[in-house]
Protein backbone atom coordinates (compact mmCIF):
# COMPACT_ATOMS: atom_id res chain seq x y z
CA MET A 1 47.84 28.84 87.40
CA THR A 2 47.17 32.48 87.50
CA GLU A 3 49.40 34.91 88.82
CA GLN A 4 47.18 35.09 92.02
CA GLN A 5 47.69 31.44 92.77
CA LYS A 6 51.53 31.52 92.44
CA PRO A 7 53.52 31.44 95.83
CA PRO A 8 55.04 34.61 96.83
CA SER A 9 58.64 34.86 95.90
CA ASP A 10 61.37 36.34 98.05
CA GLU A 11 61.16 39.47 95.98
CA SER A 12 57.74 40.21 97.24
CA ASN A 13 58.99 40.83 100.80
CA GLN A 14 61.04 43.74 99.44
CA PRO A 15 59.48 47.06 98.99
CA ALA A 16 58.18 47.76 95.61
CA GLN A 17 60.35 50.00 93.56
CA PRO A 18 58.63 52.59 91.53
CA GLU A 19 58.42 51.85 87.89
CA GLU A 20 60.22 54.21 85.49
CA LYS A 21 58.01 55.80 83.04
CA PRO A 22 59.44 56.88 79.76
CA THR A 23 59.68 60.39 78.98
CA GLY A 24 56.54 61.68 77.48
CA ALA A 25 54.50 58.31 78.25
CA ALA A 26 50.89 58.71 79.39
CA GLY A 27 50.04 57.89 82.92
CA PRO A 28 47.49 55.45 84.02
CA SER A 29 44.72 57.86 83.56
CA GLU A 30 45.77 58.34 80.09
CA ALA A 31 45.97 54.57 78.86
CA ALA A 32 43.71 53.58 75.75
CA PRO A 33 40.66 51.56 76.76
CA VAL A 34 40.27 47.85 75.68
CA PRO A 35 36.96 47.12 73.82
CA GLU A 36 34.39 44.89 75.63
CA SER A 37 34.14 42.45 72.74
CA GLU A 38 37.87 41.78 72.54
CA ARG A 39 37.99 41.22 76.21
CA LEU A 40 35.26 38.57 75.75
CA VAL A 41 36.79 36.76 72.82
CA THR A 42 40.15 36.64 74.58
CA ALA A 43 38.48 35.33 77.63
CA LYS A 44 36.41 32.71 75.69
CA ARG A 45 39.63 31.56 73.77
CA ALA A 46 41.48 31.17 77.05
CA ASP A 47 38.52 29.09 78.56
CA PHE A 48 38.01 26.96 75.38
CA PRO A 49 41.44 26.32 73.76
CA LEU A 50 39.90 23.37 71.43
CA GLU A 51 37.27 25.32 69.63
CA ASP A 52 39.61 26.76 67.06
CA GLU A 53 40.88 23.30 66.18
CA LEU A 54 37.27 21.96 65.75
CA ARG A 55 36.31 24.88 63.60
CA ALA A 56 39.36 24.34 61.38
CA GLY A 57 38.42 20.62 61.10
CA ASP A 58 34.73 21.44 59.98
CA ASP A 59 36.19 23.86 57.36
CA ALA A 60 38.54 21.35 56.02
CA ALA A 61 35.80 18.66 55.75
CA ARG A 62 33.51 21.11 54.12
CA ARG A 63 36.12 22.06 51.62
CA GLU A 64 36.83 18.57 50.84
CA ALA A 65 33.17 17.73 50.18
CA ARG A 66 33.00 20.73 47.65
CA GLU A 67 35.96 19.51 45.91
CA ARG A 68 34.69 15.93 45.63
CA LYS A 69 31.45 17.25 44.27
CA ALA A 70 33.29 19.47 41.80
CA ARG A 71 35.16 16.35 40.68
CA LEU A 72 32.08 14.24 40.06
CA SER A 73 30.26 17.04 38.17
CA GLY A 74 33.18 17.53 35.84
CA ALA A 75 33.84 20.94 37.14
CA THR A 76 36.89 22.47 38.69
CA ALA A 77 37.17 24.25 42.07
CA GLY A 78 38.19 27.75 40.88
CA GLY A 79 39.44 26.24 37.51
CA GLN A 80 41.75 23.83 39.26
CA VAL A 81 41.23 21.32 42.03
CA GLY A 82 44.44 20.95 43.91
CA GLY A 83 46.35 22.33 41.02
CA GLN A 84 45.24 19.52 38.66
CA ALA A 85 42.38 19.39 36.03
CA SER A 86 39.16 17.73 37.14
CA GLY A 87 38.41 14.23 35.92
CA GLY A 88 34.98 15.14 34.16
CA TRP A 89 36.28 13.79 30.69
CA GLU A 90 35.95 10.12 31.92
CA ARG A 91 32.33 10.78 32.64
CA ASP A 92 31.90 12.32 29.05
CA VAL A 93 33.47 9.30 27.37
CA LEU A 94 31.44 6.98 29.33
CA GLU A 95 28.18 8.69 28.40
CA LYS A 96 29.18 8.64 24.73
CA VAL A 97 29.98 4.98 24.79
CA LEU A 98 26.66 4.24 26.50
CA THR A 99 24.75 6.54 24.07
CA ALA A 100 26.34 4.75 21.05
CA SER A 101 25.60 1.43 22.43
CA LEU A 102 21.91 2.25 22.96
CA ARG A 103 21.78 3.58 19.36
CA GLU A 104 23.20 0.30 17.91
CA GLN A 105 20.62 -1.71 20.01
CA ARG A 106 17.78 0.51 18.75
CA ALA A 107 18.96 0.10 15.07
CA ALA A 108 19.41 -3.59 15.37
CA ARG A 109 15.89 -3.86 16.83
CA ARG A 110 14.43 -1.83 13.98
CA TRP A 111 16.19 -4.02 11.45
CA ARG A 112 14.85 -7.16 13.15
CA ILE A 113 11.26 -5.83 12.90
CA PHE A 114 11.70 -4.71 9.41
CA PHE A 115 12.93 -8.29 8.22
CA ARG A 116 10.20 -9.98 10.29
CA LEU A 117 7.59 -7.74 8.41
CA VAL A 118 9.16 -8.66 5.15
CA THR A 119 9.20 -12.25 5.92
CA LEU A 120 5.48 -12.18 6.96
CA GLY A 121 4.58 -10.22 3.84
CA LEU A 122 6.24 -12.90 1.63
CA LEU A 123 4.43 -15.76 3.44
CA VAL A 124 1.21 -14.04 2.89
CA LEU A 125 1.86 -13.44 -0.75
CA ILE A 126 2.94 -17.11 -1.22
CA LEU A 127 -0.24 -18.28 0.66
CA PHE A 128 -2.34 -15.87 -1.45
CA ALA A 129 -0.70 -17.23 -4.65
CA VAL A 130 -1.41 -20.73 -3.77
CA PHE A 131 -4.89 -20.54 -2.36
CA ASP A 132 -6.31 -17.79 -4.56
CA PHE A 133 -8.30 -20.01 -6.74
CA LYS A 134 -12.09 -19.91 -6.01
CA GLY A 135 -13.24 -22.04 -8.97
CA ASP A 136 -10.73 -24.17 -10.77
CA GLY A 137 -13.01 -27.08 -11.40
CA THR A 138 -12.17 -28.77 -7.95
CA ILE A 139 -14.75 -26.98 -6.01
CA THR A 140 -17.56 -29.28 -4.54
CA ALA A 141 -19.93 -27.54 -2.11
CA SER A 142 -21.91 -29.39 0.23
CA GLY A 143 -25.66 -29.27 -0.15
CA ARG A 144 -27.85 -27.87 -2.77
CA HIS A 145 -26.72 -24.45 -4.00
CA THR A 146 -26.62 -21.95 -6.88
CA ALA A 147 -23.31 -21.81 -8.89
CA MET A 148 -22.24 -18.35 -10.14
CA VAL A 149 -19.65 -17.31 -12.55
CA THR A 150 -18.68 -13.60 -13.01
CA LEU A 151 -17.81 -11.93 -16.22
CA GLU A 152 -16.43 -8.53 -15.53
CA GLY A 153 -14.62 -6.04 -17.77
CA GLU A 154 -13.35 -6.15 -21.22
CA ILE A 155 -13.77 -9.47 -23.07
CA ALA A 156 -10.30 -10.11 -24.44
CA ALA A 157 -7.71 -12.72 -24.40
CA GLY A 158 -5.30 -12.69 -21.52
CA THR A 159 -7.87 -11.11 -19.26
CA PRO A 160 -10.15 -12.28 -16.41
CA ALA A 161 -12.98 -12.06 -18.85
CA SER A 162 -11.26 -14.24 -21.60
CA ALA A 163 -13.02 -17.12 -23.12
CA GLU A 164 -10.39 -19.44 -21.61
CA ALA A 165 -11.14 -18.27 -17.92
CA ILE A 166 -14.94 -17.96 -18.35
CA ASN A 167 -15.34 -21.44 -19.99
CA ALA A 168 -13.22 -23.14 -17.32
CA SER A 169 -15.59 -21.55 -14.68
CA LEU A 170 -18.73 -22.59 -16.48
CA GLN A 171 -17.49 -26.04 -16.89
CA ALA A 172 -16.77 -26.42 -13.13
CA ALA A 173 -20.16 -24.88 -12.34
CA PHE A 174 -22.21 -27.27 -14.68
CA ALA A 175 -20.20 -30.31 -13.55
CA ASP A 176 -21.14 -29.97 -9.75
CA SER A 177 -24.24 -32.21 -9.26
CA ASN A 178 -25.17 -30.14 -6.18
CA ALA A 179 -25.72 -26.93 -8.17
CA ALA A 180 -29.26 -26.39 -8.89
CA GLY A 181 -28.63 -23.74 -11.60
CA VAL A 182 -25.91 -21.50 -12.85
CA ILE A 183 -25.96 -17.82 -12.83
CA LEU A 184 -23.61 -15.87 -15.22
CA LYS A 185 -23.34 -12.32 -13.65
CA ILE A 186 -22.13 -10.00 -16.48
CA ASN A 187 -20.84 -6.47 -16.03
CA SER A 188 -18.98 -5.72 -19.29
CA PRO A 189 -18.95 -3.15 -22.06
CA GLY A 190 -17.96 -5.75 -24.78
CA GLY A 191 -14.68 -6.51 -26.24
CA SER A 192 -13.44 -9.31 -28.83
CA PRO A 193 -16.27 -10.71 -30.97
CA VAL A 194 -13.96 -13.75 -31.27
CA GLN A 195 -13.68 -14.25 -27.48
CA ALA A 196 -17.51 -13.54 -27.01
CA GLY A 197 -18.29 -16.03 -29.78
CA ILE A 198 -16.23 -18.82 -28.07
CA ILE A 199 -17.92 -18.33 -24.85
CA ASN A 200 -21.36 -18.29 -26.63
CA ASP A 201 -20.66 -21.55 -28.34
CA GLU A 202 -19.39 -23.18 -25.00
CA ILE A 203 -22.63 -22.19 -23.28
CA HIS A 204 -24.62 -23.88 -25.98
CA ARG A 205 -22.58 -27.02 -25.59
CA LEU A 206 -22.88 -27.24 -21.84
CA ARG A 207 -26.65 -26.54 -21.92
CA GLY A 208 -26.91 -29.67 -24.29
CA LEU A 209 -24.87 -31.59 -21.89
CA TYR A 210 -26.74 -30.69 -18.82
CA PRO A 211 -30.36 -29.98 -20.10
CA SER A 212 -31.93 -30.04 -16.57
CA LYS A 213 -29.46 -27.40 -15.26
CA PRO A 214 -30.61 -23.91 -16.27
CA LEU A 215 -28.25 -21.00 -16.86
CA TYR A 216 -29.64 -17.45 -16.32
CA VAL A 217 -27.62 -14.30 -16.91
CA VAL A 218 -27.86 -11.39 -14.42
CA VAL A 219 -26.79 -8.02 -15.65
CA GLU A 220 -25.31 -5.53 -13.11
CA GLU A 221 -24.14 -2.14 -14.59
CA ILE A 222 -23.79 -2.93 -18.27
CA CYS A 223 -24.07 -5.79 -20.77
CA ALA A 224 -23.39 -4.21 -24.31
CA SER A 225 -21.80 -5.42 -27.47
CA GLY A 226 -19.85 -8.47 -26.75
CA GLY A 227 -21.20 -8.84 -23.39
CA TYR A 228 -24.67 -9.14 -24.94
CA TYR A 229 -23.26 -11.49 -27.48
CA VAL A 230 -22.44 -13.83 -24.55
CA ALA A 231 -25.69 -13.16 -22.76
CA ALA A 232 -27.81 -14.15 -25.65
CA ALA A 233 -26.92 -17.80 -25.25
CA ALA A 234 -28.47 -18.05 -21.82
CA ASP A 235 -31.97 -19.50 -21.03
CA LYS A 236 -33.08 -16.18 -19.50
CA ILE A 237 -31.65 -12.63 -18.87
CA TYR A 238 -32.39 -10.66 -15.80
CA VAL A 239 -31.41 -6.94 -15.43
CA ASP A 240 -31.68 -3.99 -13.13
CA LYS A 241 -34.10 -1.27 -14.25
CA ALA A 242 -31.05 1.15 -14.84
CA SER A 243 -28.67 -1.27 -16.39
CA ILE A 244 -27.35 -0.57 -19.92
CA VAL A 245 -28.14 -3.23 -22.47
CA GLY A 246 -27.84 -3.68 -26.12
CA SER A 247 -25.33 -2.08 -28.60
CA ILE A 248 -25.69 -4.81 -31.08
CA GLY A 249 -23.31 -3.82 -33.58
CA VAL A 250 -19.47 -3.93 -34.57
CA LEU A 251 -17.15 -1.17 -34.95
CA MET A 252 -13.51 -0.51 -36.26
CA ASP A 253 -11.89 2.86 -35.36
CA GLY A 254 -8.75 4.66 -35.94
CA PHE A 255 -7.29 8.09 -36.78
CA GLY A 256 -6.01 9.91 -39.76
CA PHE A 257 -2.97 12.25 -39.56
CA THR A 258 -2.43 13.12 -43.29
CA GLY A 259 -3.61 16.64 -43.15
CA LEU A 260 -1.63 17.44 -39.98
CA MET A 261 1.34 15.78 -41.70
CA ASP A 262 1.03 18.07 -44.83
CA LYS A 263 1.00 21.17 -42.55
CA LEU A 264 4.07 20.14 -40.75
CA GLY A 265 5.80 19.02 -43.81
CA VAL A 266 6.23 15.42 -42.74
CA GLU A 267 6.47 12.67 -45.38
CA ARG A 268 5.18 9.14 -44.76
CA ARG A 269 7.44 6.43 -46.07
CA LEU A 270 5.79 3.03 -46.13
CA TYR A 271 6.97 0.10 -48.04
CA THR A 272 4.80 -3.04 -48.51
CA SER A 273 4.98 -6.26 -50.38
CA GLY A 274 1.22 -6.32 -51.06
CA ALA A 275 -1.03 -3.61 -52.49
CA ASN A 276 -3.48 -3.58 -49.41
CA LYS A 277 -0.86 -4.43 -46.75
CA GLY A 278 -0.74 -0.77 -45.49
CA MET A 279 -4.60 -0.72 -45.27
CA LEU A 280 -5.93 1.64 -42.43
CA ASP A 281 -2.50 3.03 -41.84
CA PRO A 282 -3.40 6.29 -40.03
CA PHE A 283 -0.46 8.13 -41.74
CA SER A 284 -1.46 7.27 -45.27
CA PRO A 285 -4.31 8.65 -47.41
CA GLN A 286 -7.65 6.56 -47.22
CA VAL A 287 -8.16 4.40 -50.33
CA PRO A 288 -11.92 4.11 -51.34
CA LYS A 289 -11.48 0.46 -52.12
CA GLN A 290 -9.96 -0.55 -48.89
CA LYS A 291 -12.58 1.48 -47.15
CA ALA A 292 -15.26 -0.49 -48.85
CA PHE A 293 -13.57 -3.68 -48.02
CA ALA A 294 -13.47 -2.85 -44.21
CA GLU A 295 -17.16 -1.95 -44.29
CA ALA A 296 -18.16 -5.11 -46.04
CA MET A 297 -16.19 -7.12 -43.32
CA LEU A 298 -17.97 -5.22 -40.54
CA LYS A 299 -21.30 -5.92 -41.97
CA GLN A 300 -20.47 -9.72 -42.10
CA ILE A 301 -19.49 -9.76 -38.43
CA HIS A 302 -22.45 -7.69 -37.61
CA GLN A 303 -24.82 -10.26 -39.31
CA GLN A 304 -23.29 -12.98 -37.35
CA PHE A 305 -24.04 -11.01 -34.24
CA ILE A 306 -27.72 -10.45 -35.28
CA ASP A 307 -27.99 -14.18 -36.15
CA VAL A 308 -26.70 -15.14 -32.60
CA VAL A 309 -29.15 -12.81 -30.91
CA LYS A 310 -32.00 -14.13 -32.88
CA GLU A 311 -31.07 -17.64 -32.18
CA GLY A 312 -30.78 -17.07 -28.49
CA ARG A 313 -33.95 -14.72 -27.95
CA GLY A 314 -36.20 -16.21 -30.65
CA ASP A 315 -39.78 -15.00 -30.49
CA ARG A 316 -39.14 -12.85 -27.54
CA LEU A 317 -37.53 -10.12 -29.51
CA LYS A 318 -39.84 -7.31 -30.62
CA ASP A 319 -39.92 -6.09 -34.17
CA ASP A 320 -38.14 -2.75 -33.82
CA PRO A 321 -36.00 -1.33 -36.71
CA GLU A 322 -33.51 0.00 -34.22
CA LEU A 323 -32.91 -3.14 -32.41
CA PHE A 324 -29.74 -4.15 -34.29
CA SER A 325 -28.65 -0.47 -35.06
CA GLY A 326 -25.98 -0.29 -32.25
CA LEU A 327 -28.24 1.53 -29.82
CA PHE A 328 -28.46 0.59 -26.24
CA TRP A 329 -31.33 0.91 -23.76
CA SER A 330 -31.96 0.93 -20.13
CA GLY A 331 -32.75 -2.35 -18.36
CA GLU A 332 -36.47 -1.45 -18.18
CA ARG A 333 -36.65 -0.66 -21.90
CA SER A 334 -34.69 -3.84 -22.84
CA VAL A 335 -37.42 -5.91 -21.10
CA ALA A 336 -40.06 -4.24 -23.24
CA LEU A 337 -37.93 -4.85 -26.49
CA GLY A 338 -37.33 -8.48 -25.43
CA LEU A 339 -33.71 -8.28 -25.10
CA ALA A 340 -34.09 -9.28 -21.45
CA ASP A 341 -36.68 -11.33 -19.50
CA GLY A 342 -37.27 -9.45 -16.34
CA LEU A 343 -35.91 -7.49 -13.46
CA GLY A 344 -33.90 -9.17 -10.87
CA SER A 345 -30.62 -9.74 -9.00
CA ALA A 346 -28.49 -12.76 -8.42
CA GLU A 347 -30.03 -13.19 -5.00
CA TYR A 348 -33.56 -13.04 -6.48
CA VAL A 349 -32.75 -15.61 -9.13
CA ALA A 350 -31.07 -17.97 -6.58
CA ARG A 351 -33.77 -17.61 -4.01
CA ASP A 352 -36.99 -17.41 -5.91
CA LEU A 353 -36.20 -19.24 -9.11
CA PHE A 354 -33.68 -21.83 -8.37
CA LYS A 355 -34.97 -22.35 -4.83
CA ALA A 356 -31.27 -22.58 -3.80
CA GLU A 357 -30.44 -19.53 -1.69
CA ASP A 358 -26.75 -20.44 -1.11
CA ILE A 359 -24.60 -18.92 -3.89
CA VAL A 360 -21.07 -20.37 -4.58
CA ASP A 361 -18.70 -18.48 -6.78
CA TYR A 362 -17.05 -20.72 -9.47
CA THR A 363 -15.18 -17.96 -11.12
CA VAL A 364 -11.47 -18.98 -11.88
CA LYS A 365 -9.36 -16.22 -10.63
CA GLU A 366 -5.71 -15.86 -11.73
CA ASN A 367 -3.38 -15.85 -8.68
CA ILE A 368 -0.22 -13.52 -8.42
CA ALA A 369 2.30 -16.16 -9.42
CA GLU A 370 0.53 -16.60 -12.74
CA ARG A 371 -0.01 -12.94 -13.46
CA VAL A 372 3.67 -12.24 -12.86
CA ALA A 373 4.68 -15.09 -14.95
CA LYS A 374 2.53 -14.12 -17.87
CA ARG A 375 3.59 -10.36 -17.73
CA PHE A 376 7.23 -11.51 -17.45
CA GLY A 377 6.83 -13.83 -20.36
CA ALA A 378 5.07 -11.29 -22.46
CA ALA A 379 8.01 -8.72 -21.59
CA VAL A 380 10.60 -11.24 -22.38
CA GLY A 381 8.85 -12.12 -25.76
CA THR A 382 8.47 -8.55 -26.81
CA ALA A 383 12.17 -7.70 -25.97
CA ALA A 384 13.20 -10.78 -28.03
CA MET A 385 11.12 -9.67 -31.08
CA LYS A 386 12.57 -6.19 -30.83
CA THR A 387 16.03 -7.45 -30.70
CA MET A 388 15.35 -9.74 -33.64
CA LEU A 389 14.00 -6.92 -35.64
CA TRP A 390 16.84 -4.58 -34.78
CA SER A 391 19.42 -7.25 -35.78
CA THR A 392 17.83 -7.70 -39.13
CA GLY A 393 17.13 -3.88 -39.55
CA MET A 394 13.50 -4.69 -40.37
CA GLN A 395 11.88 -2.61 -37.65
CA GLY A 396 9.28 -1.26 -39.88
CA MET A 397 8.13 -4.62 -41.38
CA ARG A 398 4.73 -5.79 -40.12
């Protein structure tokens, strides 16, 4: 209750005594005035006593929310939260663990993909090695067709153009009863006269066994030297007008370094058990007798080449003194000289001459396994030979 509501006391009936004022105190008219705002605040607090408590609760809730947020973000409230360091390190450790786990999963996935690709590659190689033969004597095409064998590159033993590979392909092509004819497609600068001679002989043999099955040679880029040695055995030869044909001759090449060795002061030490064992040695002076012997041997092989060409081409050859000189001509000029029968491609021969447009390739192709085995065997053999020579101290003997 306010003072106005209190009941009057007994002292109220007594006359009021004047208050004693301290010496020098100001009177009522001299008292300091109270500001209006303070009077309003005082009155408000008196009328609403719970407002301060509510405001204090709100401040505490906001402060607690800030501290919780600081703990979750790894920060500290003013460097410390409640006098203790924040718990942000737990979050950092958890992040590192999760990151490491993700990296391990990614690495494992990459390795799985890698091994799968390697396995797939090995399977492809195995299938390619097993099924890489296009003409191994077991091909049997359904229906009438033209058989084709490709001779490409240098004619030499151990190559795709070796006598062994070409003869096997030709045998398979001739043996197929559905083949209307055989095309030998040549793109070769030549090579070994021995390998070319073996192929030439086999063509003559097969033509005798299958007289009703023609064999035509089709020249692409080049058919020179040993390549033409093979082509001469065919029934007919067709070329492109820009093909290179001819080079009917034999060569033997080498180098001589004796002059250079004299300038450098190098001495050649060659020991032989025969007077001509060191013949054509590039580090020894040329002996006239040995030179004459080599030239005679080349002439003999050249004559063999000429005989083969004359036997194969017969009266179709023109009388030209340069024909067997080792020169080569364009396809168009070779037709005029009688070295070829006409211009045409493999498709032309199959379609217009054999009347069998479908072409089946009978070329025996070496698969990867065989190539690797041959190279490995050659490497092992070379290494064994070198080891044997080193052990006997006869490296220079040959």
